[in-house]
């Protein structure tokens, strides 16, 4: 592994007083973002979390998911790890309680 990968995993998986810290880490090109993300995803999925890995690029998101799919399956977490584009994740959040367009239309027409 690249030294940056090891350091990032140690920081991301730091656990203190019953909680994990929210972290923002810059990883340069070629230092292994995909591996860091894949390993971190497996870790949190094994703890029972639903993991969303978000990328600006559909191509990169699909590539990374496919690269790790066999490992996700080996750990039986493939149903708990989702790779998507930023816009797709925004739609999931916005429509979590139902289709926002339909809900707005129903509200405005007094059918809520």
C-alpha atoms as a PDB file:
ATOM      1  CA  UNK A   1       0.000   0.000   0.000  1.00  0.00           C
ATOM      2  CA  UNK A   2       0.961   3.603  -0.548  1.00  0.00           C
ATOM      3  CA  UNK A   3       1.967   5.349   2.717  1.00  0.00           C
ATOM      4  CA  UNK A   4      -0.773   7.940   2.169  1.00  0.00           C
ATOM      5  CA  UNK A   5      -3.363   5.135   2.068  1.00  0.00           C
ATOM      6  CA  UNK A   6      -2.237   3.824   5.447  1.00  0.00           C
ATOM      7  CA  UNK A   7      -2.231   7.273   7.059  1.00  0.00           C
ATOM      8  CA  UNK A   8      -5.648   8.133   5.614  1.00  0.00           C
ATOM      9  CA  UNK A   9      -7.183   4.880   6.844  1.00  0.00           C
ATOM     10  CA  UNK A  10      -5.787   5.451  10.331  1.00  0.00           C
ATOM     11  CA  UNK A  11      -7.282   8.945  10.383  1.00  0.00           C
ATOM     12  CA  UNK A  12     -10.629   7.984   8.845  1.00  0.00           C
ATOM     13  CA  UNK A  13     -11.115   5.036  11.164  1.00  0.00           C
ATOM     14  CA  UNK A  14     -10.114   6.874  14.346  1.00  0.00           C
ATOM     15  CA  UNK A  15     -12.659   5.965  16.995  1.00  0.00           C
ATOM     16  CA  UNK A  16     -12.927   7.849  20.258  1.00  0.00           C
ATOM     17  CA  UNK A  17     -15.611   7.889  22.939  1.00  0.00           C
ATOM     18  CA  UNK A  18     -18.140   5.955  20.899  1.00  0.00           C
ATOM     19  CA  UNK A  19     -17.929   7.956  17.696  1.00  0.00           C
ATOM     20  CA  UNK A  20     -15.992   8.318  14.471  1.00  0.00           C
ATOM     21  CA  UNK A  21     -14.757  11.748  13.517  1.00  0.00           C
ATOM     22  CA  UNK A  22     -15.929  13.432  10.336  1.00  0.00           C
ATOM     23  CA  UNK A  23     -12.836  13.965   8.269  1.00  0.00           C
ATOM     24  CA  UNK A  24     -11.887  15.770   5.093  1.00  0.00           C
ATOM     25  CA  UNK A  25      -8.687  14.426   3.571  1.00  0.00           C
ATOM     26  CA  UNK A  26      -6.894  15.523   0.419  1.00  0.00           C
ATOM     27  CA  UNK A  27      -5.355  12.662  -1.536  1.00  0.00           C
ATOM     28  CA  UNK A  28      -3.362  13.558  -4.626  1.00  0.00           C
ATOM     29  CA  UNK A  29      -3.536  11.827  -7.995  1.00  0.00           C
ATOM     30  CA  UNK A  30      -1.856   8.446  -7.876  1.00  0.00           C
ATOM     31  CA  UNK A  31      -1.941   8.104  -4.090  1.00  0.00           C
ATOM     32  CA  UNK A  32      -4.852   5.664  -4.022  1.00  0.00           C
ATOM     33  CA  UNK A  33      -8.173   7.412  -3.396  1.00  0.00           C
ATOM     34  CA  UNK A  34     -10.075   4.447  -4.844  1.00  0.00           C
ATOM     35  CA  UNK A  35      -8.407   1.986  -2.482  1.00  0.00           C
ATOM     36  CA  UNK A  36      -8.955   4.226   0.551  1.00  0.00           C
ATOM     37  CA  UNK A  37     -12.615   4.616  -0.366  1.00  0.00           C
ATOM     38  CA  UNK A  38     -13.110   0.903  -1.034  1.00  0.00           C
ATOM     39  CA  UNK A  39     -11.535  -0.221   2.242  1.00  0.00           C
ATOM     40  CA  UNK A  40     -13.360   2.434   4.259  1.00  0.00           C
ATOM     41  CA  UNK A  41     -16.639   1.424   2.596  1.00  0.00           C
ATOM     42  CA  UNK A  42     -16.166  -2.221   3.544  1.00  0.00           C
ATOM     43  CA  UNK A  43     -15.304  -1.287   7.131  1.00  0.00           C
ATOM     44  CA  UNK A  44     -18.412   0.834   7.674  1.00  0.00           C
ATOM     45  CA  UNK A  45     -20.691  -1.570   5.796  1.00  0.00           C
ATOM     46  CA  UNK A  46     -19.509  -4.358   8.118  1.00  0.00           C
ATOM     47  CA  UNK A  47     -20.544  -2.150  11.044  1.00  0.00           C
ATOM     48  CA  UNK A  48     -24.048  -1.995   9.561  1.00  0.00           C
ATOM     49  CA  UNK A  49     -23.934   1.409   7.883  1.00  0.00           C
ATOM     50  CA  UNK A  50     -25.297   2.129   4.425  1.00  0.00           C
ATOM     51  CA  UNK A  51     -22.298   3.595   2.597  1.00  0.00           C
ATOM     52  CA  UNK A  52     -22.622   6.093  -0.246  1.00  0.00           C
ATOM     53  CA  UNK A  53     -19.507   6.756  -2.299  1.00  0.00           C
ATOM     54  CA  UNK A  54     -20.056   9.868  -4.387  1.00  0.00           C
ATOM     55  CA  UNK A  55     -18.051  11.076  -7.371  1.00  0.00           C
ATOM     56  CA  UNK A  56     -18.532  13.792  -9.982  1.00  0.00           C
ATOM     57  CA  UNK A  57     -17.875  11.262 -12.752  1.00  0.00           C
ATOM     58  CA  UNK A  58     -20.181   8.367 -13.630  1.00  0.00           C
ATOM     59  CA  UNK A  59     -17.246   6.687 -15.354  1.00  0.00           C
ATOM     60  CA  UNK A  60     -14.988   6.821 -12.275  1.00  0.00           C
ATOM     61  CA  UNK A  61     -17.791   5.816  -9.940  1.00  0.00           C
ATOM     62  CA  UNK A  62     -18.690   2.778 -12.076  1.00  0.00           C
ATOM     63  CA  UNK A  63     -15.035   1.837 -12.553  1.00  0.00           C
ATOM     64  CA  UNK A  64     -14.265   1.946  -8.836  1.00  0.00           C
ATOM     65  CA  UNK A  65     -17.382  -0.026  -7.913  1.00  0.00           C
ATOM     66  CA  UNK A  66     -16.560  -2.709 -10.481  1.00  0.00           C
ATOM     67  CA  UNK A  67     -12.946  -2.868  -9.275  1.00  0.00           C
ATOM     68  CA  UNK A  68     -14.112  -3.601  -5.726  1.00  0.00           C
ATOM     69  CA  UNK A  69     -17.253  -5.616  -6.441  1.00  0.00           C
ATOM     70  CA  UNK A  70     -15.608  -9.024  -5.884  1.00  0.00           C
ATOM     71  CA  UNK A  71     -14.214  -7.816  -2.561  1.00  0.00           C
ATOM     72  CA  UNK A  72     -17.591  -6.329  -1.545  1.00  0.00           C
ATOM     73  CA  UNK A  73     -19.166  -9.716  -2.350  1.00  0.00           C
ATOM     74  CA  UNK A  74     -16.480 -11.592  -0.405  1.00  0.00           C
ATOM     75  CA  UNK A  75     -17.359  -9.513   2.672  1.00  0.00           C
ATOM     76  CA  UNK A  76     -21.102  -9.724   1.838  1.00  0.00           C
ATOM     77  CA  UNK A  77     -21.504  -5.935   1.828  1.00  0.00           C
ATOM     78  CA  UNK A  78     -22.316  -5.280  -1.832  1.00  0.00           C
ATOM     79  CA  UNK A  79     -25.931  -4.415  -0.928  1.00  0.00           C
ATOM     80  CA  UNK A  80     -24.740  -1.810   1.588  1.00  0.00           C
ATOM     81  CA  UNK A  81     -22.230   0.078  -0.569  1.00  0.00           C
ATOM     82  CA  UNK A  82     -23.530   2.400  -3.277  1.00  0.00           C
ATOM     83  CA  UNK A  83     -21.343   4.284  -5.725  1.00  0.00           C
ATOM     84  CA  UNK A  84     -23.022   7.151  -7.581  1.00  0.00           C
ATOM     85  CA  UNK A  85     -22.619  10.593  -9.096  1.00  0.00           C
ATOM     86  CA  UNK A  86     -23.153  13.695  -6.980  1.00  0.00           C
ATOM     87  CA  UNK A  87     -26.362  14.529  -8.867  1.00  0.00           C
ATOM     88  CA  UNK A  88     -27.760  11.020  -8.303  1.00  0.00           C
ATOM     89  CA  UNK A  89     -27.095  11.271  -4.563  1.00  0.00           C
ATOM     90  CA  UNK A  90     -28.773  14.678  -4.449  1.00  0.00           C
ATOM     91  CA  UNK A  91     -31.875  13.160  -6.040  1.00  0.00           C
ATOM     92  CA  UNK A  92     -31.877  10.326  -3.503  1.00  0.00           C
ATOM     93  CA  UNK A  93     -31.702  12.806  -0.615  1.00  0.00           C
ATOM     94  CA  UNK A  94     -34.299  15.153  -2.060  1.00  0.00           C
ATOM     95  CA  UNK A  95     -36.740  12.329  -2.826  1.00  0.00           C
ATOM     96  CA  UNK A  96     -36.158  10.349   0.381  1.00  0.00           C
ATOM     97  CA  UNK A  97     -39.673  11.001   1.693  1.00  0.00           C
ATOM     98  CA  UNK A  98     -41.269  10.646  -1.730  1.00  0.00           C
ATOM     99  CA  UNK A  99     -41.092  12.269  -5.122  1.00  0.00           C
ATOM    100  CA  UNK A 100     -40.580  15.942  -4.337  1.00  0.00           C
ATOM    101  CA  UNK A 101     -42.427  17.063  -7.476  1.00  0.00           C
ATOM    102  CA  UNK A 102     -45.492  14.995  -6.623  1.00  0.00           C
ATOM    103  CA  UNK A 103     -45.400  16.055  -2.972  1.00  0.00           C
ATOM    104  CA  UNK A 104     -45.145  19.732  -3.933  1.00  0.00           C
ATOM    105  CA  UNK A 105     -47.990  19.440  -6.409  1.00  0.00           C
ATOM    106  CA  UNK A 106     -50.157  17.674  -3.828  1.00  0.00           C
ATOM    107  CA  UNK A 107     -49.333  20.317  -1.214  1.00  0.00           C
ATOM    108  CA  UNK A 108     -50.100  23.210  -3.536  1.00  0.00           C
ATOM    109  CA  UNK A 109     -53.372  21.657  -4.614  1.00  0.00           C
ATOM    110  CA  UNK A 110     -54.375  20.949  -0.998  1.00  0.00           C
ATOM    111  CA  UNK A 111     -54.191  17.156  -1.328  1.00  0.00           C
ATOM    112  CA  UNK A 112     -51.628  16.544   1.411  1.00  0.00           C
END
